[in-house]
Amino acid sequence: MKRLLVLTILLAVPPLAFSELQEAAVAQPLTLEDALMRARTTSARLASFQALNRAALDGVRGAEAGRRPDLDVQASYSRNSNVPELILTTPGAPPRTIFPNLPNQWRTHVGASLPIYTGGRVANQIESAKHTERATLADRDAAINDLVAETHIAYVSVLFARENARVLREAIASYEAHLKDARARQEMGLIASNEVLAVTVERERAELGRVQAENAAAIATANLRRLVGLPTAAEIELDPISSDPPAANSPTTTEALVEKASEGRAEIEGLRARIRSLEATTRVAQSSSKPQAGIQAGFDFSNPNPRILPLSGAWKDTWSVGLNVSWKILDGGRVKWEHEGRTMTTDRPTFAPSTYEAG
């Protein structure tokens, strides 16, 4: 009966569950380099920064497209109601139709435009987009640095927590031997019962510390699994790492360490790039108050063509080329206040020396 029950359970459990249990049972070796590589590969936060960088790069390409000519093609058909024809009759000449009844109207148009001068709008749009793209790169680098540091700390934390739990387990074994010896001495009448009770209390305290240490090790291991993208039930086997000795030329004072940490920080570079992007955006807003010039060209092939009189129900072509110049003299202060608002956004904060004084 027991064999039949075991066979039924084995047939009911899918083979995939056995593979998962096998993977969870076998400890997976994980070095620090492997953990860092897996963290970079599986981090959703890092993937989001990479997506933002690709979007910013597309924004640069879109801004650069403002310097290229635009070309559009149109085609249309419309059916109008019948209207009385306008026929001009003169003595001694046959009647002449000035405005015929043409209910069907066909039109095709090809147009092109090219900006010549935009007051710096296109150039500043490109500059703003490039600075935004640099800021996203800096944000991605900062995210990588944070991820590496967090993974490194989590890796070391697991090693420390497991070693702490091991030491406490060995301490409990020592307390067990001490407690056994104390009970034997009590039976021989060499010590009082309160000494045995004191050893028992110390042993129970060590047991409590062991439970807390194993819980801390389990939490640290779960955090490391989260960072490297391993399943929750996966067992990992870590390699002990040794800290490298500090370099001979490494700074030792607090001021030197702060200065070294501030050099090349991706977060600072990202903020600077965003400030430059906002400044370029301010210049884009200011460009609308400057003259704008561009070239436009068009080709029409219509039936009837309204530019050719008298109208006739035939396909005819016309073209046009022109230079457009515009200058907005008064806009009610819109550009000015947009500039003021962006200037307040891009102003660098200043701190009084008393801000950093103690107390």
Protein backbone atom coordinates (compact mmCIF):
# COMPACT_ATOMS: atom_id res chain seq x y z
CA MET A 1 0.00 0.00 0.00
CA LYS A 2 2.84 2.38 0.86
CA ARG A 3 4.58 1.61 -2.42
CA LEU A 4 1.40 2.38 -4.34
CA LEU A 5 1.02 5.71 -2.51
CA VAL A 6 4.62 6.72 -3.27
CA LEU A 7 4.20 5.78 -6.92
CA THR A 8 1.04 7.84 -7.17
CA ILE A 9 2.79 10.91 -5.71
CA LEU A 10 5.73 10.51 -8.08
CA LEU A 11 3.44 10.35 -11.09
CA ALA A 12 1.42 13.36 -9.90
CA VAL A 13 4.42 15.69 -9.49
CA PRO A 14 5.51 17.17 -12.86
CA PRO A 15 9.08 16.51 -14.01
CA LEU A 16 9.72 20.28 -13.94
CA ALA A 17 9.17 20.33 -10.20
CA PHE A 18 11.84 17.64 -9.76
CA SER A 19 14.29 19.69 -11.80
CA GLU A 20 13.54 22.79 -9.71
CA LEU A 21 13.99 20.83 -6.49
CA GLN A 22 17.24 19.41 -7.81
CA GLU A 23 18.52 22.86 -8.73
CA ALA A 24 17.51 24.18 -5.31
CA ALA A 25 19.19 21.27 -3.52
CA VAL A 26 22.53 21.61 -5.35
CA ALA A 27 24.52 24.58 -4.09
CA GLN A 28 25.54 26.85 -6.95
CA PRO A 29 29.08 28.26 -6.70
CA LEU A 30 29.12 32.02 -7.03
CA THR A 31 32.25 34.12 -7.08
CA LEU A 32 32.26 37.88 -6.63
CA GLU A 33 32.99 38.39 -10.34
CA ASP A 34 30.07 36.13 -11.28
CA ALA A 35 27.77 37.99 -8.90
CA LEU A 36 28.73 41.36 -10.38
CA MET A 37 28.24 40.08 -13.93
CA ARG A 38 24.83 38.58 -13.13
CA ALA A 39 23.77 41.76 -11.31
CA ARG A 40 24.58 43.88 -14.38
CA THR A 41 22.71 41.47 -16.63
CA THR A 42 19.54 41.02 -14.59
CA SER A 43 19.11 44.48 -13.03
CA ALA A 44 15.76 45.99 -14.06
CA ARG A 45 16.87 49.43 -12.84
CA LEU A 46 19.95 49.33 -15.07
CA ALA A 47 17.80 48.21 -18.02
CA SER A 48 15.50 51.20 -17.46
CA PHE A 49 18.47 53.60 -17.57
CA GLN A 50 19.66 51.96 -20.79
CA ALA A 51 16.19 52.43 -22.30
CA LEU A 52 16.25 56.10 -21.26
CA ASN A 53 19.64 56.48 -22.91
CA ARG A 54 18.35 54.99 -26.16
CA ALA A 55 15.37 57.37 -26.02
CA ALA A 56 17.72 60.33 -25.46
CA LEU A 57 19.85 59.23 -28.41
CA ASP A 58 16.72 59.17 -30.57
CA GLY A 59 16.00 62.67 -29.30
CA VAL A 60 19.42 63.81 -30.57
CA ARG A 61 18.69 62.34 -33.98
CA GLY A 62 15.29 64.02 -34.02
CA ALA A 63 16.85 67.39 -33.15
CA GLU A 64 19.50 66.99 -35.86
CA ALA A 65 16.71 66.31 -38.38
CA GLY A 66 15.65 69.94 -37.96
CA ARG A 67 18.56 70.97 -40.19
CA ARG A 68 17.44 68.77 -43.07
CA PRO A 69 14.79 69.71 -45.64
CA ASP A 70 11.21 68.58 -45.27
CA LEU A 71 9.45 66.94 -48.20
CA ASP A 72 5.74 66.24 -48.27
CA VAL A 73 3.47 64.70 -50.93
CA GLN A 74 -0.29 65.31 -51.05
CA ALA A 75 -3.08 63.97 -53.21
CA SER A 76 -6.76 64.86 -52.99
CA TYR A 77 -10.05 64.45 -54.79
CA SER A 78 -13.27 66.36 -54.21
CA ARG A 79 -16.71 66.23 -55.78
CA ASN A 80 -18.57 69.53 -55.93
CA SER A 81 -22.15 70.33 -56.78
CA ASN A 82 -23.02 71.56 -60.22
CA VAL A 83 -22.97 75.33 -60.71
CA PRO A 84 -24.10 77.50 -63.61
CA GLU A 85 -21.34 78.12 -66.09
CA LEU A 86 -20.17 81.68 -66.68
CA ILE A 87 -20.16 82.22 -70.43
CA LEU A 88 -18.97 85.46 -71.97
CA THR A 89 -20.48 86.46 -75.28
CA THR A 90 -19.17 89.33 -77.39
CA PRO A 91 -20.49 90.60 -80.75
CA GLY A 92 -18.69 89.02 -83.66
CA ALA A 93 -17.05 86.28 -81.53
CA PRO A 94 -18.16 82.86 -80.47
CA PRO A 95 -19.26 82.39 -76.83
CA ARG A 96 -16.39 81.84 -74.42
CA THR A 97 -16.74 79.90 -71.14
CA ILE A 98 -14.99 81.85 -68.38
CA PHE A 99 -15.99 79.65 -65.41
CA PRO A 100 -16.99 76.13 -66.51
CA ASN A 101 -18.88 73.62 -64.41
CA LEU A 102 -16.16 71.20 -63.17
CA PRO A 103 -17.62 69.11 -60.33
CA ASN A 104 -14.61 66.73 -60.18
CA GLN A 105 -11.41 68.23 -58.82
CA TRP A 106 -8.12 66.36 -58.63
CA ARG A 107 -4.94 67.70 -57.04
CA THR A 108 -1.43 66.38 -56.41
CA HIS A 109 1.18 68.48 -54.64
CA VAL A 110 4.85 67.99 -53.78
CA GLY A 111 6.32 70.52 -51.34
CA ALA A 112 9.75 71.04 -49.81
CA SER A 113 11.00 73.44 -47.14
CA LEU A 114 14.43 74.16 -45.72
CA PRO A 115 15.18 76.45 -42.75
CA ILE A 116 17.94 78.97 -43.45
CA TYR A 117 18.04 80.96 -40.22
CA THR A 118 16.15 80.09 -37.03
CA GLY A 119 17.78 82.41 -34.52
CA GLY A 120 19.73 79.51 -33.00
CA ARG A 121 16.65 77.39 -32.34
CA VAL A 122 17.81 74.25 -34.17
CA ALA A 123 21.40 74.47 -32.93
CA ASN A 124 20.30 74.86 -29.33
CA GLN A 125 17.77 72.06 -29.66
CA ILE A 126 20.59 69.78 -30.81
CA GLU A 127 22.82 70.95 -27.98
CA SER A 128 20.08 70.40 -25.41
CA ALA A 129 19.38 66.91 -26.72
CA LYS A 130 23.08 66.00 -26.65
CA HIS A 131 23.45 67.19 -23.07
CA THR A 132 20.36 65.19 -22.13
CA GLU A 133 21.90 62.12 -23.76
CA ARG A 134 25.12 62.69 -21.80
CA ALA A 135 23.08 63.02 -18.61
CA THR A 136 21.39 59.67 -19.24
CA LEU A 137 24.80 58.09 -19.82
CA ALA A 138 26.00 59.54 -16.54
CA ASP A 139 22.86 58.26 -14.79
CA ARG A 140 23.51 54.80 -16.22
CA ASP A 141 27.13 54.88 -15.04
CA ALA A 142 26.00 56.01 -11.59
CA ALA A 143 23.47 53.16 -11.51
CA ILE A 144 26.23 50.70 -12.44
CA ASN A 145 28.45 52.03 -9.67
CA ASP A 146 25.63 51.77 -7.15
CA LEU A 147 24.78 48.27 -8.32
CA VAL A 148 28.40 47.13 -8.08
CA ALA A 149 28.75 48.60 -4.60
CA GLU A 150 25.44 47.12 -3.42
CA THR A 151 26.31 43.69 -4.82
CA HIS A 152 29.77 43.82 -3.31
CA ILE A 153 28.36 44.77 0.09
CA ALA A 154 25.69 42.06 -0.14
CA TYR A 155 28.30 39.45 -1.06
CA VAL A 156 30.53 40.37 1.88
CA SER A 157 27.50 40.58 4.18
CA VAL A 158 26.54 37.00 3.35
CA LEU A 159 30.08 35.81 4.03
CA PHE A 160 30.19 37.68 7.34
CA ALA A 161 26.74 36.49 8.45
CA ARG A 162 27.49 32.86 7.60
CA GLU A 163 30.86 32.99 9.35
CA ASN A 164 29.23 34.57 12.40
CA ALA A 165 26.62 31.80 12.47
CA ARG A 166 29.36 29.16 12.17
CA VAL A 167 31.31 30.63 15.07
CA LEU A 168 28.20 30.68 17.24
CA ARG A 169 27.45 27.05 16.37
CA GLU A 170 30.95 26.09 17.46
CA ALA A 171 30.45 28.14 20.62
CA ILE A 172 27.27 26.19 21.38
CA ALA A 173 29.18 22.92 20.99
CA SER A 174 31.73 24.25 23.48
CA TYR A 175 28.93 25.26 25.86
CA GLU A 176 27.42 21.77 25.52
CA ALA A 177 30.71 20.20 26.60
CA HIS A 178 31.05 22.70 29.45
CA LEU A 179 27.49 22.02 30.58
CA LYS A 180 28.08 18.26 30.51
CA ASP A 181 31.23 18.69 32.58
CA ALA A 182 29.42 20.96 35.07
CA ARG A 183 26.62 18.42 35.56
CA ALA A 184 29.16 15.67 36.12
CA ARG A 185 30.96 17.78 38.72
CA GLN A 186 27.62 18.55 40.39
CA GLU A 187 26.83 14.84 40.65
CA MET A 188 30.21 14.35 42.31
CA GLY A 189 29.38 17.18 44.76
CA LEU A 190 32.21 19.43 43.62
CA ILE A 191 30.02 22.42 42.59
CA ALA A 192 26.65 23.80 43.54
CA SER A 193 23.57 23.71 41.32
CA ASN A 194 23.65 27.47 40.74
CA GLU A 195 26.91 27.08 38.78
CA VAL A 196 25.23 24.54 36.50
CA LEU A 197 22.33 26.95 36.07
CA ALA A 198 24.74 29.76 35.13
CA VAL A 199 26.34 27.58 32.44
CA THR A 200 22.86 26.66 31.16
CA VAL A 201 21.89 30.33 30.90
CA GLU A 202 25.05 31.14 28.94
CA ARG A 203 24.36 28.22 26.61
CA GLU A 204 20.81 29.44 25.96
CA ARG A 205 22.12 32.94 25.23
CA ALA A 206 24.53 31.46 22.71
CA GLU A 207 21.63 29.53 21.16
CA LEU A 208 19.64 32.75 20.82
CA GLY A 209 22.62 34.45 19.18
CA ARG A 210 22.98 31.51 16.79
CA VAL A 211 19.32 31.76 15.73
CA GLN A 212 19.65 35.50 15.18
CA ALA A 213 22.87 35.01 13.20
CA GLU A 214 21.30 32.34 10.98
CA ASN A 215 18.30 34.60 10.35
CA ALA A 216 20.64 37.43 9.41
CA ALA A 217 22.52 35.09 7.08
CA ALA A 218 19.24 34.01 5.45
CA ILE A 219 18.18 37.64 4.94
CA ALA A 220 21.58 38.58 3.50
CA THR A 221 21.45 35.56 1.17
CA ALA A 222 17.95 36.49 -0.02
CA ASN A 223 19.16 40.03 -0.75
CA LEU A 224 22.10 38.66 -2.75
CA ARG A 225 19.77 36.36 -4.70
CA ARG A 226 17.60 39.38 -5.53
CA LEU A 227 20.57 41.36 -6.83
CA VAL A 228 22.00 38.57 -8.98
CA GLY A 229 18.63 37.32 -10.24
CA LEU A 230 18.67 33.81 -8.76
CA PRO A 231 15.54 31.88 -7.74
CA THR A 232 14.34 32.23 -4.16
CA ALA A 233 15.05 28.60 -3.29
CA ALA A 234 18.48 28.51 -4.95
CA GLU A 235 21.37 27.65 -2.67
CA ILE A 236 24.58 29.56 -3.35
CA GLU A 237 28.11 28.73 -2.30
CA LEU A 238 30.37 31.76 -1.97
CA ASP A 239 34.13 32.00 -2.19
CA PRO A 240 35.87 33.84 0.65
CA ILE A 241 37.40 37.09 -0.53
CA SER A 242 40.38 38.89 0.93
CA SER A 243 40.54 42.66 1.05
CA ASP A 244 43.41 44.16 -0.86
CA PRO A 245 45.87 46.26 1.14
CA PRO A 246 45.58 50.01 0.52
CA ALA A 247 47.84 51.43 -2.13
CA ALA A 248 50.93 53.29 -1.02
CA ASN A 249 49.81 56.51 -2.68
CA SER A 250 46.19 56.36 -1.52
CA PRO A 251 44.94 59.38 0.46
CA THR A 252 44.62 58.97 4.19
CA THR A 253 43.09 62.23 5.41
CA THR A 254 39.36 62.88 5.33
CA GLU A 255 39.72 65.92 3.08
CA ALA A 256 41.82 63.98 0.58
CA LEU A 257 39.33 61.10 0.58
CA VAL A 258 36.41 63.49 -0.04
CA GLU A 259 38.30 65.17 -2.88
CA LYS A 260 39.15 61.83 -4.47
CA ALA A 261 35.55 60.62 -4.12
CA SER A 262 34.25 63.81 -5.78
CA GLU A 263 36.45 63.41 -8.86
CA GLY A 264 34.69 61.92 -11.83
CA ARG A 265 31.43 61.20 -10.01
CA ALA A 266 28.78 60.16 -12.53
CA GLU A 267 26.02 61.80 -10.48
CA ILE A 268 27.77 65.18 -10.61
CA GLU A 269 28.41 64.85 -14.35
CA GLY A 270 24.75 64.01 -14.89
CA LEU A 271 23.60 67.07 -12.98
CA ARG A 272 25.99 69.31 -14.88
CA ALA A 273 24.78 67.90 -18.20
CA ARG A 274 21.15 68.54 -17.22
CA ILE A 275 22.00 72.12 -16.26
CA ARG A 276 23.63 72.69 -19.66
CA SER A 277 20.60 71.08 -21.33
CA LEU A 278 18.24 73.46 -19.53
CA GLU A 279 20.41 76.42 -20.48
CA ALA A 280 20.25 75.37 -24.13
CA THR A 281 16.48 74.99 -23.80
CA THR A 282 16.35 78.56 -22.51
CA ARG A 283 18.16 79.74 -25.63
CA VAL A 284 15.65 77.78 -27.72
CA ALA A 285 12.83 79.78 -26.13
CA GLN A 286 14.71 83.04 -26.74
CA SER A 287 15.21 82.19 -30.42
CA SER A 288 11.49 82.64 -31.11
CA SER A 289 11.91 86.41 -30.69
CA LYS A 290 14.56 86.51 -33.44
CA PRO A 291 14.00 86.58 -37.22
CA GLN A 292 13.17 83.29 -38.93
CA ALA A 293 13.95 82.58 -42.58
CA GLY A 294 13.38 79.58 -44.81
CA ILE A 295 13.00 78.42 -48.41
CA GLN A 296 9.87 76.75 -49.69
CA ALA A 297 9.21 75.08 -53.03
CA GLY A 298 6.18 73.35 -54.43
CA PHE A 299 4.95 71.52 -57.52
CA ASP A 300 1.23 71.12 -58.34
CA PHE A 301 -0.31 68.82 -60.92
CA SER A 302 -4.08 69.39 -60.82
CA ASN A 303 -7.26 68.91 -62.77
CA PRO A 304 -8.39 71.66 -63.00
CA ASN A 305 -5.44 73.83 -62.02
CA PRO A 306 -6.86 76.95 -60.26
CA ARG A 307 -3.79 79.01 -61.17
CA ILE A 308 -4.41 78.72 -64.89
CA LEU A 309 -7.36 80.68 -66.30
CA PRO A 310 -9.73 80.04 -67.84
CA LEU A 311 -10.32 76.81 -65.96
CA SER A 312 -10.47 73.63 -67.99
CA GLY A 313 -10.97 69.98 -67.18
CA ALA A 314 -7.41 68.97 -68.04
CA TRP A 315 -4.29 68.04 -66.05
CA LYS A 316 -1.86 70.97 -65.87
CA ASP A 317 1.22 71.58 -63.77
CA THR A 318 2.55 74.66 -61.97
CA TRP A 319 5.44 75.24 -59.56
CA SER A 320 6.53 77.83 -57.02
CA VAL A 321 9.70 78.76 -55.11
CA GLY A 322 9.76 81.32 -52.34
CA LEU A 323 11.70 82.79 -49.43
CA ASN A 324 9.81 83.30 -46.18
CA VAL A 325 11.04 85.72 -43.53
CA SER A 326 9.18 86.32 -40.27
CA TRP A 327 9.99 88.27 -37.13
CA LYS A 328 7.74 88.31 -34.10
CA ILE A 329 8.06 91.83 -32.74
CA LEU A 330 5.68 91.52 -29.77
CA ASP A 331 4.53 88.38 -27.97
CA GLY A 332 3.10 89.83 -24.77
CA GLY A 333 6.21 88.91 -22.75
CA ARG A 334 5.85 85.15 -23.21
CA VAL A 335 9.50 84.58 -24.21
CA LYS A 336 10.75 86.84 -21.43
CA TRP A 337 8.90 85.04 -18.67
CA GLU A 338 9.79 81.63 -20.07
CA HIS A 339 13.41 82.72 -19.96
CA GLU A 340 13.04 83.95 -16.38
CA GLY A 341 11.44 80.68 -15.29
CA ARG A 342 14.15 78.56 -16.90
CA THR A 343 16.86 80.78 -15.45
CA MET A 344 15.51 80.17 -11.95
CA THR A 345 15.50 76.44 -12.69
CA THR A 346 19.10 76.35 -13.91
CA ASP A 347 20.59 78.64 -11.24
CA ARG A 348 23.21 76.89 -9.13
CA PRO A 349 22.36 76.87 -5.42
CA THR A 350 24.75 78.73 -3.17
CA PHE A 351 25.34 77.89 0.44
CA ALA A 352 26.55 80.19 3.15
CA PRO A 353 29.70 79.09 4.98
CA SER A 354 27.69 78.82 8.20
CA THR A 355 25.75 75.93 6.62
CA TYR A 356 28.69 73.62 7.09
CA GLU A 357 29.69 74.84 10.53
CA ALA A 358 29.19 72.46 13.41
CA GLY A 359 26.06 73.04 15.40
